[in-house]
Amino acid sequence: MKVQNIAQVFFLIYVGVLIGCSGSSDTPPPQTKRISEVTVPQFEGSRSKPIQEVIGQNTKVNRDEVHLEIKERVKIDRGIIVPKEVEGKWKAVKIMVRNKIDESRSSMKTTVLGSSFEIEGSAIKVTVGPFMPNFVMTQKNYTSNGNELNNPAVQLVVEEKGKTLYEGWAFAKYPTMYAFEHEEFAFQLMDYIPADVS
């Protein structure tokens, strides 16, 4: 067999293999995109830019700018819904105010829902309430799934000299979850007092 015939045989085998691998499907091959056309997915509420806008023609890319979606999340405004089965059933909560610097100055504050207390020796004011016995968070709201004490939480608004430092929730069972961060003080929901039943 001549070299030219051998080359033709190999070429035909190669073509046959390619046809066999592609299958007999009538569906067109998937469309491909150049890397420059691919966009970076954005997190909910992210103010970050697609990576292409950040990089552009700049060869000195600041990694902090490229990954702003991790560092910079926009607060999602959720409403607060107190269900009918919870409304009016709880009167007050007990909050442990822990002094991280001097434990002997820690104290327990019993506070009526909707009222405030000030931390002695500081300019910090804490407003307490509403209380959710079974706290749940949906896409749009903070609420309670019934009146059973499965996941007790109370909203805290912490202010210092009129400036809001924190607006979030204190959890009885998970005290470190979304906790107020301060160099001197920490708060924990310790107990909950039901409304007087007549």
Protein backbone atom coordinates (compact mmCIF):
# COMPACT_ATOMS: atom_id res chain seq x y z
CA MET A 1 0.00 0.00 0.00
CA LYS A 2 1.39 3.39 -0.93
CA VAL A 3 2.00 6.17 1.59
CA GLN A 4 -0.65 8.33 -0.12
CA ASN A 5 -3.28 5.55 0.29
CA ILE A 6 -2.35 5.07 3.95
CA ALA A 7 -2.78 8.81 4.54
CA GLN A 8 -6.22 8.70 2.88
CA VAL A 9 -7.29 5.73 5.03
CA PHE A 10 -6.24 7.50 8.21
CA PHE A 11 -8.03 10.66 7.07
CA LEU A 12 -11.26 8.71 6.45
CA ILE A 13 -10.99 7.01 9.87
CA TYR A 14 -10.42 10.39 11.51
CA VAL A 15 -13.46 11.91 9.77
CA GLY A 16 -15.56 8.86 10.73
CA VAL A 17 -14.56 9.20 14.36
CA LEU A 18 -15.46 12.91 14.37
CA ILE A 19 -18.86 12.21 12.85
CA GLY A 20 -19.46 9.37 15.33
CA CYS A 21 -18.58 11.60 18.30
CA SER A 22 -20.86 14.40 17.20
CA GLY A 23 -23.83 11.99 17.14
CA SER A 24 -26.86 12.23 14.91
CA SER A 25 -28.62 14.92 16.90
CA ASP A 26 -30.20 17.73 14.91
CA THR A 27 -29.68 20.21 17.76
CA PRO A 28 -27.17 22.93 17.00
CA PRO A 29 -23.98 23.07 19.05
CA PRO A 30 -24.15 25.29 22.14
CA GLN A 31 -23.27 28.91 21.58
CA THR A 32 -19.97 29.99 22.97
CA LYS A 33 -19.10 33.39 24.36
CA ARG A 34 -15.84 35.17 24.56
CA ILE A 35 -14.63 35.72 28.12
CA SER A 36 -15.14 39.47 27.68
CA GLU A 37 -18.88 38.87 27.07
CA VAL A 38 -19.45 36.92 30.27
CA THR A 39 -20.90 39.00 33.10
CA VAL A 40 -20.29 38.47 36.77
CA PRO A 41 -23.53 37.61 38.64
CA GLN A 42 -24.57 40.29 41.11
CA PHE A 43 -25.68 39.54 44.67
CA GLU A 44 -29.05 40.84 45.83
CA GLY A 45 -28.67 44.46 46.79
CA SER A 46 -25.05 44.58 45.68
CA ARG A 47 -23.64 47.89 44.52
CA SER A 48 -20.69 46.18 42.91
CA LYS A 49 -19.79 46.55 39.26
CA PRO A 50 -19.34 43.76 36.72
CA ILE A 51 -15.71 42.70 36.61
CA GLN A 52 -15.32 44.04 33.05
CA GLU A 53 -16.22 47.58 34.14
CA VAL A 54 -13.73 47.43 36.98
CA ILE A 55 -10.87 45.93 34.99
CA GLY A 56 -11.41 47.76 31.68
CA GLN A 57 -7.99 48.44 30.25
CA ASN A 58 -6.40 48.88 33.65
CA THR A 59 -3.73 46.28 34.27
CA LYS A 60 -3.43 47.21 37.95
CA VAL A 61 -6.73 45.87 39.24
CA ASN A 62 -7.67 46.52 42.84
CA ARG A 63 -9.03 43.19 44.13
CA ASP A 64 -11.19 45.02 46.68
CA GLU A 65 -13.02 46.79 43.86
CA VAL A 66 -13.55 43.58 41.89
CA HIS A 67 -15.06 41.82 44.89
CA LEU A 68 -17.22 44.61 46.25
CA GLU A 69 -20.21 42.26 46.27
CA ILE A 70 -18.61 40.43 49.20
CA LYS A 71 -17.65 43.52 51.19
CA GLU A 72 -20.46 45.93 50.35
CA ARG A 73 -23.99 44.65 50.82
CA VAL A 74 -26.89 47.04 50.76
CA LYS A 75 -29.27 46.67 53.68
CA ILE A 76 -32.59 45.15 52.61
CA ASP A 77 -35.47 47.03 54.20
CA ARG A 78 -37.92 44.48 55.59
CA GLY A 79 -41.13 45.35 57.35
CA ILE A 80 -42.07 44.04 60.78
CA ILE A 81 -45.33 42.11 61.06
CA VAL A 82 -46.56 41.10 64.50
CA PRO A 83 -49.16 38.35 63.91
CA LYS A 84 -52.57 38.56 65.62
CA GLU A 85 -51.81 35.49 67.76
CA VAL A 86 -48.71 37.31 69.15
CA GLU A 87 -50.01 40.88 69.39
CA GLY A 88 -50.66 41.96 72.97
CA LYS A 89 -49.50 38.62 74.43
CA TRP A 90 -46.06 39.83 75.62
CA LYS A 91 -45.35 42.71 77.95
CA ALA A 92 -41.59 42.94 78.55
CA VAL A 93 -38.20 41.29 78.10
CA LYS A 94 -35.07 40.89 80.22
CA ILE A 95 -31.86 41.96 78.51
CA MET A 96 -28.42 41.14 79.86
CA VAL A 97 -26.14 44.15 79.34
CA ARG A 98 -22.65 42.70 79.52
CA ASN A 99 -19.71 45.00 80.15
CA LYS A 100 -16.78 43.42 78.30
CA ILE A 101 -14.18 45.56 80.09
CA ASP A 102 -15.49 45.21 83.66
CA GLU A 103 -17.82 42.23 84.22
CA SER A 104 -18.78 43.59 87.66
CA ARG A 105 -20.60 46.42 85.85
CA SER A 106 -22.80 44.03 83.85
CA SER A 107 -26.50 44.30 84.59
CA MET A 108 -29.93 42.87 83.80
CA LYS A 109 -32.52 45.25 82.37
CA THR A 110 -36.23 44.40 82.49
CA THR A 111 -37.79 46.60 79.85
CA VAL A 112 -41.37 47.04 78.67
CA LEU A 113 -41.70 46.49 74.92
CA GLY A 114 -41.58 49.80 73.06
CA SER A 115 -39.64 51.58 75.80
CA SER A 116 -35.95 52.44 76.22
CA PHE A 117 -33.17 52.27 78.79
CA GLU A 118 -29.78 53.94 79.06
CA ILE A 119 -26.55 52.26 80.06
CA GLU A 120 -25.16 53.89 83.16
CA GLY A 121 -21.86 55.67 82.62
CA SER A 122 -22.27 55.83 78.84
CA ALA A 123 -24.18 57.76 76.19
CA ILE A 124 -25.84 54.58 74.89
CA LYS A 125 -29.62 54.31 74.74
CA VAL A 126 -31.38 51.03 73.81
CA THR A 127 -34.97 50.88 72.54
CA VAL A 128 -36.62 47.46 72.90
CA GLY A 129 -39.37 45.80 70.88
CA PRO A 130 -41.24 44.27 69.22
CA PHE A 131 -40.84 40.72 70.54
CA MET A 132 -41.21 37.64 68.31
CA PRO A 133 -41.62 34.31 70.17
CA ASN A 134 -40.85 32.28 67.03
CA PHE A 135 -38.82 34.66 64.87
CA VAL A 136 -38.75 34.08 61.11
CA MET A 137 -37.34 36.22 58.32
CA THR A 138 -38.93 36.23 54.87
CA GLN A 139 -37.84 38.09 51.73
CA LYS A 140 -40.01 41.06 52.76
CA ASN A 141 -40.71 40.85 56.49
CA TYR A 142 -39.61 39.97 60.00
CA THR A 143 -42.40 38.12 61.78
CA SER A 144 -43.26 35.24 64.12
CA ASN A 145 -44.51 31.83 63.10
CA GLY A 146 -47.06 31.50 65.89
CA ASN A 147 -46.82 32.28 69.60
CA GLU A 148 -44.73 29.27 70.71
CA LEU A 149 -41.30 30.09 72.17
CA ASN A 150 -39.32 28.21 69.52
CA ASN A 151 -36.98 31.03 68.44
CA PRO A 152 -37.46 34.05 70.74
CA ALA A 153 -36.08 37.34 69.47
CA VAL A 154 -36.53 41.02 70.24
CA GLN A 155 -35.66 44.03 68.13
CA LEU A 156 -33.04 46.38 69.56
CA VAL A 157 -32.25 49.89 68.37
CA VAL A 158 -28.97 51.08 69.91
CA GLU A 159 -28.13 54.77 69.76
CA GLU A 160 -25.21 56.82 71.02
CA LYS A 161 -25.54 60.61 71.20
CA GLY A 162 -28.44 60.47 68.73
CA LYS A 163 -26.56 58.34 66.18
CA THR A 164 -27.94 54.86 65.45
CA LEU A 165 -25.21 52.27 66.02
CA TYR A 166 -27.33 49.17 65.52
CA GLU A 167 -30.84 48.21 64.48
CA GLY A 168 -31.35 44.47 64.60
CA TRP A 169 -32.45 41.49 66.65
CA ALA A 170 -31.25 39.85 69.84
CA PHE A 171 -31.87 36.09 69.97
CA ALA A 172 -32.29 34.06 73.16
CA LYS A 173 -31.05 30.75 71.73
CA TYR A 174 -28.43 32.17 69.36
CA PRO A 175 -26.88 35.16 71.18
CA THR A 176 -24.02 35.64 68.71
CA MET A 177 -26.18 35.61 65.56
CA TYR A 178 -26.24 39.12 64.01
CA ALA A 179 -25.17 40.42 67.42
CA PHE A 180 -24.52 44.08 68.23
CA GLU A 181 -20.77 44.67 68.00
CA HIS A 182 -19.19 47.15 70.38
CA GLU A 183 -15.82 47.33 72.11
CA GLU A 184 -17.40 47.67 75.55
CA PHE A 185 -20.98 46.34 75.57
CA ALA A 186 -22.87 43.24 74.45
CA PHE A 187 -26.58 42.42 74.75
CA GLN A 188 -28.38 39.12 75.20
CA LEU A 189 -32.08 38.34 75.40
CA MET A 190 -32.48 36.38 78.63
CA ASP A 191 -36.23 36.17 79.40
CA TYR A 192 -39.67 37.28 78.21
CA ILE A 193 -42.63 38.31 80.30
CA PRO A 194 -46.17 37.59 79.05
CA ALA A 195 -48.91 40.19 79.32
CA ASP A 196 -51.21 39.89 82.34
CA VAL A 197 -54.09 37.58 81.58
CA SER A 198 -57.31 38.72 83.25
